[in-house]
Amino acid sequence: MSTFPQKYIDIVGIGASTLDRFIVVDHYPTGREVQQVVSSTTDGGGPVATALAVAGKYGARTAMIDSIGDDMVGRHILDDFEKYNVNTEAIQVESGANSGVATILVKQSTGERAVFFERSTATEPEFLDTHKQLIESAYILHINGRHRQLMRSAMAVAKEVGTIISLDGGAQRYDKDMKPITEASHIVIVARDYAEKYTGTTNLEDACRIIHERGALVAGVTDGANGSYFVWPDGTSYRCEPFTQATVVDTTGAGDSFHGAFLANLVHTINHMKGQDTTSTTKHDCASIHAVELLKACAHSDLEKAAIFASAVASLNTQGIGGRSPLPTLKSVQELIG
């Protein structure tokens, strides 16, 4: 379903949309055993998909590009997107195909997770004229490496029209093919594991600097409870302190919610720079200034606010089970920031 016209989109995402089943356990099984589940829940999932849901919750207009099956899981995925104001018109629904499912074991004592997933059997989505139009009118294209043929076509359009390319470099997701994709992205916020493999250093401040030198306007490395590191477009470094929680229930949505919250806050800044707001239906009519140029012109204070907001959202999101269900209210985030 569509919650608003396609032409008024702030963030377009390309990635996998899944249904995630979370099961909290006392311990991970090491062999054959029977163990009673502590608790469980079902949530929409996928790194880019969840980032869009987060951004949608906090006021950004978002749209997802993907392909799913027409099964019960697919219907649940679409319903969950609607709940978070994510436009689904660009999701291709394939008759007879199965949608992606993930089963996630969460260790009760630490919030650590082990993920088991079943890929969707839907055909890889094709790059359509409607996708091109979405990217041309959006501020940001958010990617994580999925649907690479389509993604490369989308990145070429974004480069041509000045749409910001935002990359989520998740843990265990770096490979040699991701190097040019990373270098071509404007916002590169990655997990420690990705940063170390991409840059060859374990010093995260140095890793940020290398990511920036290789082409990113905004370079960031997240390190869980240790906070995050950034380099802004002019080369200034910034350390974002973490919002430490006494206990952690589940870390599944921390990284994805960080990305979504950062981008949502950035969208608000861009709208303010253009003298518009997110409720305007004409905000993209004044597209003479490309989003990439606006990113370059962002004040340090605005980028720092985006990082702090993202850190607070990610921290609070660890207080419940799932990637989306525990998302805090805007009031709760503001109270934590102080």
Protein backbone atom coordinates (compact mmCIF):
# COMPACT_ATOMS: atom_id res chain seq x y z
CA MET A 1 0.00 0.00 0.00
CA SER A 2 1.06 3.61 -0.49
CA THR A 3 0.86 6.09 2.35
CA PHE A 4 1.82 9.13 0.25
CA PRO A 5 2.68 9.95 -3.38
CA GLN A 6 5.88 8.35 -4.67
CA LYS A 7 7.30 11.66 -5.89
CA TYR A 8 7.58 13.02 -2.34
CA ILE A 9 10.20 10.68 -0.94
CA ASP A 10 13.18 11.62 1.25
CA ILE A 11 14.95 8.25 1.48
CA VAL A 12 14.85 5.34 -0.98
CA GLY A 13 16.22 2.00 0.23
CA ILE A 14 17.40 -1.06 -1.67
CA GLY A 15 17.77 -4.29 0.30
CA ALA A 16 16.14 -7.44 1.62
CA SER A 17 12.82 -7.34 3.46
CA THR A 18 12.28 -10.23 5.84
CA LEU A 19 10.07 -11.47 8.63
CA ASP A 20 12.14 -12.02 11.78
CA ARG A 21 11.23 -14.48 14.53
CA PHE A 22 13.03 -13.66 17.79
CA ILE A 23 13.48 -16.35 20.43
CA VAL A 24 15.07 -15.43 23.75
CA VAL A 25 16.98 -18.34 25.30
CA ASP A 26 18.94 -18.93 28.48
CA HIS A 27 21.93 -20.20 26.50
CA TYR A 28 22.88 -21.24 22.99
CA PRO A 29 22.56 -25.01 22.46
CA THR A 30 25.86 -26.82 21.95
CA GLY A 31 24.30 -30.10 20.93
CA ARG A 32 21.08 -32.05 21.17
CA GLU A 33 18.88 -30.64 23.94
CA VAL A 34 15.41 -29.40 24.86
CA GLN A 35 15.20 -25.89 26.26
CA GLN A 36 12.21 -23.79 27.27
CA VAL A 37 11.99 -20.43 25.49
CA VAL A 38 12.17 -17.38 27.77
CA SER A 39 10.09 -15.24 25.40
CA SER A 40 9.54 -14.64 21.69
CA THR A 41 8.19 -12.12 19.20
CA THR A 42 7.85 -11.54 15.46
CA ASP A 43 9.02 -8.37 13.72
CA GLY A 44 9.76 -7.03 10.26
CA GLY A 45 13.46 -7.27 9.44
CA GLY A 46 16.32 -6.63 7.04
CA PRO A 47 19.03 -3.97 7.61
CA VAL A 48 17.89 -1.43 5.01
CA ALA A 49 14.21 -2.23 5.55
CA THR A 50 14.49 -1.62 9.29
CA ALA A 51 16.49 1.58 8.77
CA LEU A 52 13.65 2.87 6.59
CA ALA A 53 11.08 1.87 9.21
CA VAL A 54 13.05 3.79 11.83
CA ALA A 55 13.39 6.86 9.61
CA GLY A 56 9.68 6.67 8.83
CA LYS A 57 8.82 6.54 12.52
CA TYR A 58 10.78 9.73 13.12
CA GLY A 59 9.23 11.72 10.30
CA ALA A 60 11.11 10.97 7.07
CA ARG A 61 9.29 9.89 3.93
CA THR A 62 10.73 6.56 2.87
CA ALA A 63 10.28 4.01 0.09
CA MET A 64 11.61 0.45 -0.24
CA ILE A 65 12.79 -1.31 -3.41
CA ASP A 66 12.82 -5.11 -3.15
CA SER A 67 11.10 -8.27 -4.36
CA ILE A 68 9.10 -10.61 -2.11
CA GLY A 69 6.68 -13.50 -2.44
CA ASP A 70 2.89 -13.32 -2.37
CA ASP A 71 2.79 -15.65 0.64
CA MET A 72 1.58 -14.98 4.17
CA VAL A 73 5.07 -13.83 5.16
CA GLY A 74 5.09 -11.31 2.31
CA ARG A 75 1.75 -9.89 3.41
CA HIS A 76 3.08 -9.51 6.96
CA ILE A 77 6.17 -7.70 5.62
CA LEU A 78 4.02 -5.20 3.70
CA ASP A 79 1.71 -4.65 6.68
CA ASP A 80 4.69 -3.93 8.93
CA PHE A 81 6.09 -1.40 6.46
CA GLU A 82 2.74 0.37 6.44
CA LYS A 83 2.86 0.63 10.23
CA TYR A 84 6.09 2.63 9.95
CA ASN A 85 4.97 4.78 6.99
CA VAL A 86 7.28 3.09 4.47
CA ASN A 87 6.04 3.35 0.88
CA THR A 88 5.87 -0.12 -0.70
CA GLU A 89 4.82 0.73 -4.27
CA ALA A 90 8.31 -0.16 -5.55
CA ILE A 91 8.32 -3.63 -3.94
CA GLN A 92 7.75 -6.28 -6.60
CA VAL A 93 5.47 -9.10 -5.37
CA GLU A 94 6.05 -12.38 -7.21
CA SER A 95 3.30 -14.97 -7.45
CA GLY A 96 4.26 -18.35 -6.02
CA ALA A 97 7.52 -17.16 -4.47
CA ASN A 98 8.46 -17.44 -0.80
CA SER A 99 9.49 -14.35 1.17
CA GLY A 100 12.61 -14.21 3.33
CA VAL A 101 12.45 -15.38 6.95
CA ALA A 102 15.01 -15.14 9.75
CA THR A 103 15.06 -16.97 13.07
CA ILE A 104 17.11 -15.15 15.69
CA LEU A 105 18.25 -16.69 18.97
CA VAL A 106 18.87 -14.02 21.61
CA LYS A 107 20.93 -14.90 24.68
CA GLN A 108 19.04 -13.54 27.68
CA SER A 109 22.09 -12.66 29.79
CA THR A 110 23.90 -10.54 27.18
CA GLY A 111 21.52 -9.70 24.34
CA GLU A 112 23.88 -11.42 21.90
CA ARG A 113 22.21 -12.99 18.89
CA ALA A 114 22.65 -15.85 16.46
CA VAL A 115 20.82 -15.52 13.14
CA PHE A 116 19.51 -18.31 10.92
CA PHE A 117 17.88 -17.17 7.69
CA GLU A 118 15.97 -18.50 4.68
CA ARG A 119 16.44 -16.41 1.54
CA SER A 120 13.45 -15.30 -0.46
CA THR A 121 12.86 -17.32 -3.63
CA ALA A 122 11.54 -14.22 -5.39
CA THR A 123 13.44 -13.18 -8.53
CA GLU A 124 15.96 -10.36 -8.09
CA PRO A 125 14.14 -7.06 -8.64
CA GLU A 126 14.68 -5.31 -11.97
CA PHE A 127 15.64 -1.64 -12.21
CA LEU A 128 12.56 0.15 -13.50
CA ASP A 129 11.78 3.69 -14.64
CA THR A 130 9.77 4.19 -11.45
CA HIS A 131 12.91 3.40 -9.42
CA LYS A 132 14.88 5.95 -11.42
CA GLN A 133 12.22 8.58 -10.77
CA LEU A 134 12.21 7.81 -7.04
CA ILE A 135 15.99 8.19 -6.79
CA GLU A 136 16.02 11.38 -8.85
CA SER A 137 13.51 13.04 -6.51
CA ALA A 138 14.88 11.70 -3.21
CA TYR A 139 17.55 13.19 -0.97
CA ILE A 140 19.12 9.86 -0.01
CA LEU A 141 19.62 6.39 -1.49
CA HIS A 142 20.31 3.90 1.33
CA ILE A 143 22.01 0.58 0.47
CA ASN A 144 23.87 -2.31 2.10
CA GLY A 145 25.06 -4.39 -0.87
CA ARG A 146 21.97 -6.47 -1.61
CA HIS A 147 20.52 -6.67 -5.16
CA ARG A 148 23.87 -5.55 -6.56
CA GLN A 149 22.97 -5.26 -10.23
CA LEU A 150 19.96 -3.09 -9.43
CA MET A 151 21.93 -1.26 -6.74
CA ARG A 152 24.71 -0.29 -9.17
CA SER A 153 22.14 1.11 -11.62
CA ALA A 154 20.56 3.06 -8.79
CA MET A 155 23.93 4.40 -7.65
CA ALA A 156 24.71 5.60 -11.19
CA VAL A 157 21.45 7.58 -11.24
CA ALA A 158 22.14 9.00 -7.78
CA LYS A 159 25.62 10.11 -8.82
CA GLU A 160 24.24 11.80 -11.92
CA VAL A 161 21.55 13.80 -10.13
CA GLY A 162 23.32 14.53 -6.82
CA THR A 163 21.31 12.22 -4.56
CA ILE A 164 23.25 11.21 -1.43
CA ILE A 165 24.34 7.55 -1.40
CA SER A 166 24.31 6.12 2.14
CA LEU A 167 25.99 2.77 2.82
CA ASP A 168 25.30 0.50 5.78
CA GLY A 169 28.42 -1.67 6.11
CA GLY A 170 27.30 -4.36 8.51
CA ALA A 171 29.46 -6.87 10.37
CA GLN A 172 30.41 -9.93 8.30
CA ARG A 173 29.25 -8.18 5.12
CA TYR A 174 32.52 -6.93 3.62
CA ASP A 175 33.94 -8.57 0.50
CA LYS A 176 36.19 -7.38 -2.32
CA ASP A 177 33.19 -6.44 -4.46
CA MET A 178 32.09 -3.99 -1.74
CA LYS A 179 35.29 -1.93 -1.99
CA PRO A 180 34.27 0.17 -5.03
CA ILE A 181 30.73 0.43 -3.68
CA THR A 182 32.07 1.79 -0.40
CA GLU A 183 34.36 4.24 -2.18
CA ALA A 184 31.46 5.52 -4.32
CA SER A 185 29.18 6.25 -1.33
CA HIS A 186 28.79 9.68 0.27
CA ILE A 187 27.77 8.52 3.76
CA VAL A 188 29.65 5.42 4.87
CA ILE A 189 28.72 4.26 8.38
CA VAL A 190 30.03 0.78 9.08
CA ALA A 191 30.45 -1.70 11.91
CA ARG A 192 33.87 -2.30 13.46
CA ASP A 193 34.27 -5.61 11.62
CA TYR A 194 33.56 -4.01 8.24
CA ALA A 195 35.88 -1.07 8.99
CA GLU A 196 38.78 -3.31 9.96
CA LYS A 197 38.45 -5.45 6.82
CA TYR A 198 37.99 -2.46 4.51
CA THR A 199 40.79 -0.31 5.93
CA GLY A 200 43.22 -2.90 7.32
CA THR A 201 43.50 -1.19 10.70
CA THR A 202 42.01 -1.93 14.12
CA ASN A 203 42.31 1.70 15.24
CA LEU A 204 38.81 3.03 14.62
CA GLU A 205 39.82 6.69 14.47
CA ASP A 206 42.36 5.82 11.79
CA ALA A 207 39.76 3.66 10.03
CA CYS A 208 37.37 6.62 9.90
CA ARG A 209 40.09 8.78 8.42
CA ILE A 210 40.87 6.17 5.75
CA ILE A 211 37.19 5.78 4.84
CA HIS A 212 36.97 9.56 4.46
CA GLU A 213 40.14 9.76 2.38
CA ARG A 214 38.79 7.08 0.03
CA GLY A 215 35.81 9.24 -0.88
CA ALA A 216 33.16 9.33 1.84
CA LEU A 217 31.89 12.79 2.80
CA VAL A 218 30.65 11.42 6.13
CA ALA A 219 32.67 8.49 7.45
CA GLY A 220 31.51 6.65 10.54
CA VAL A 221 32.39 3.51 12.47
CA THR A 222 30.07 2.13 15.14
CA ASP A 223 31.43 0.05 17.99
CA GLY A 224 28.39 -0.94 20.01
CA ALA A 225 28.53 0.05 23.68
CA ASN A 226 31.86 1.80 23.04
CA GLY A 227 30.24 4.53 20.96
CA SER A 228 31.01 5.66 17.43
CA TYR A 229 33.62 7.62 15.50
CA PHE A 230 33.07 10.07 12.65
CA VAL A 231 34.86 12.29 10.16
CA TRP A 232 32.76 15.11 8.68
CA PRO A 233 32.97 16.45 5.09
CA ASP A 234 35.70 19.01 5.89
CA GLY A 235 37.86 16.37 7.61
CA THR A 236 36.94 17.21 11.21
CA SER A 237 36.87 14.21 13.55
CA TYR A 238 34.12 13.58 16.08
CA ARG A 239 33.66 10.97 18.80
CA CYS A 240 30.05 10.20 19.74
CA GLU A 241 29.85 8.87 23.27
CA PRO A 242 27.47 5.95 23.89
CA PHE A 243 24.29 6.08 25.97
CA THR A 244 25.06 3.18 28.28
CA GLN A 245 22.19 1.00 29.51
CA ALA A 246 22.35 -0.97 32.76
CA THR A 247 21.07 -4.07 30.98
CA VAL A 248 20.73 -5.09 27.33
CA VAL A 249 17.80 -7.23 26.19
CA ASP A 250 18.52 -7.56 22.47
CA THR A 251 21.06 -5.86 20.17
CA THR A 252 19.44 -6.96 16.88
CA GLY A 253 18.10 -3.56 15.87
CA ALA A 254 20.88 -1.37 17.26
CA GLY A 255 22.87 -0.90 14.07
CA ASP A 256 19.88 -0.61 11.75
CA SER A 257 18.12 1.85 14.05
CA PHE A 258 21.34 3.91 14.25
CA HIS A 259 21.34 4.28 10.45
CA GLY A 260 17.63 5.08 10.24
CA ALA A 261 17.76 7.64 13.03
CA PHE A 262 20.88 9.32 11.62
CA LEU A 263 19.30 9.63 8.17
CA ALA A 264 15.96 10.84 9.55
CA ASN A 265 17.72 13.59 11.48
CA LEU A 266 19.77 14.50 8.41
CA VAL A 267 16.58 14.78 6.35
CA HIS A 268 15.19 17.26 8.87
CA THR A 269 18.39 19.29 8.56
CA ILE A 270 18.25 19.27 4.75
CA ASN A 271 14.60 20.36 4.82
CA HIS A 272 15.51 23.18 7.19
CA MET A 273 18.38 24.24 4.91
CA LYS A 274 15.91 24.38 2.02
CA GLY A 275 13.43 26.33 4.13
CA GLN A 276 10.88 23.54 4.00
CA ASP A 277 9.38 20.93 6.32
CA THR A 278 8.46 17.27 5.98
CA THR A 279 4.73 18.05 5.64
CA SER A 280 5.19 20.20 2.55
CA THR A 281 4.13 18.67 -0.77
CA THR A 282 6.41 21.04 -2.73
CA LYS A 283 9.68 20.60 -0.91
CA HIS A 284 11.31 18.69 -3.77
CA ASP A 285 10.29 21.29 -6.34
CA CYS A 286 13.31 23.43 -5.33
CA ALA A 287 15.82 20.80 -6.42
CA SER A 288 18.33 23.19 -7.97
CA ILE A 289 20.66 22.53 -5.02
CA HIS A 290 21.67 18.88 -5.01
CA ALA A 291 21.39 16.93 -1.76
CA VAL A 292 25.11 16.07 -1.93
CA GLU A 293 25.96 19.78 -1.93
CA LEU A 294 23.69 20.33 1.06
CA LEU A 295 25.47 17.50 2.89
CA LYS A 296 28.79 19.22 2.26
CA ALA A 297 27.35 22.44 3.68
CA CYS A 298 25.94 20.90 6.88
CA ALA A 299 27.23 22.51 10.06
CA HIS A 300 29.25 20.35 12.45
CA SER A 301 26.57 20.90 15.08
CA ASP A 302 23.86 19.49 12.81
CA LEU A 303 25.89 16.38 11.98
CA GLU A 304 26.76 15.90 15.65
CA LYS A 305 23.06 16.16 16.55
CA ALA A 306 22.31 13.45 13.99
CA ALA A 307 24.98 11.18 15.50
CA ILE A 308 23.78 11.81 19.06
CA PHE A 309 20.15 11.20 18.08
CA ALA A 310 21.14 7.96 16.34
CA SER A 311 23.16 6.81 19.34
CA ALA A 312 20.25 7.46 21.71
CA VAL A 313 17.74 5.63 19.50
CA ALA A 314 20.07 2.64 19.11
CA SER A 315 20.69 2.49 22.85
CA LEU A 316 17.00 2.55 23.76
CA ASN A 317 16.22 0.00 21.06
CA THR A 318 18.29 -2.59 22.95
CA GLN A 319 15.77 -2.51 25.79
CA GLY A 320 13.27 -4.81 24.10
CA ILE A 321 13.13 -7.80 21.76
CA GLY A 322 13.21 -7.19 18.02
CA GLY A 323 14.56 -4.66 15.58
CA ARG A 324 11.49 -2.43 15.35
CA SER A 325 9.04 -3.18 18.14
CA PRO A 326 11.27 -1.66 20.89
CA LEU A 327 11.80 1.62 19.01
CA PRO A 328 11.42 4.46 21.52
CA THR A 329 9.12 7.44 21.25
CA LEU A 330 10.66 10.74 20.21
CA LYS A 331 9.97 12.04 23.72
CA SER A 332 11.96 9.16 25.27
CA VAL A 333 14.88 9.85 22.95
CA GLN A 334 14.87 13.56 23.79
CA GLU A 335 14.72 12.79 27.50
CA LEU A 336 17.73 10.49 27.24
CA ILE A 337 19.73 13.10 25.30
CA GLY A 338 18.77 15.74 27.87
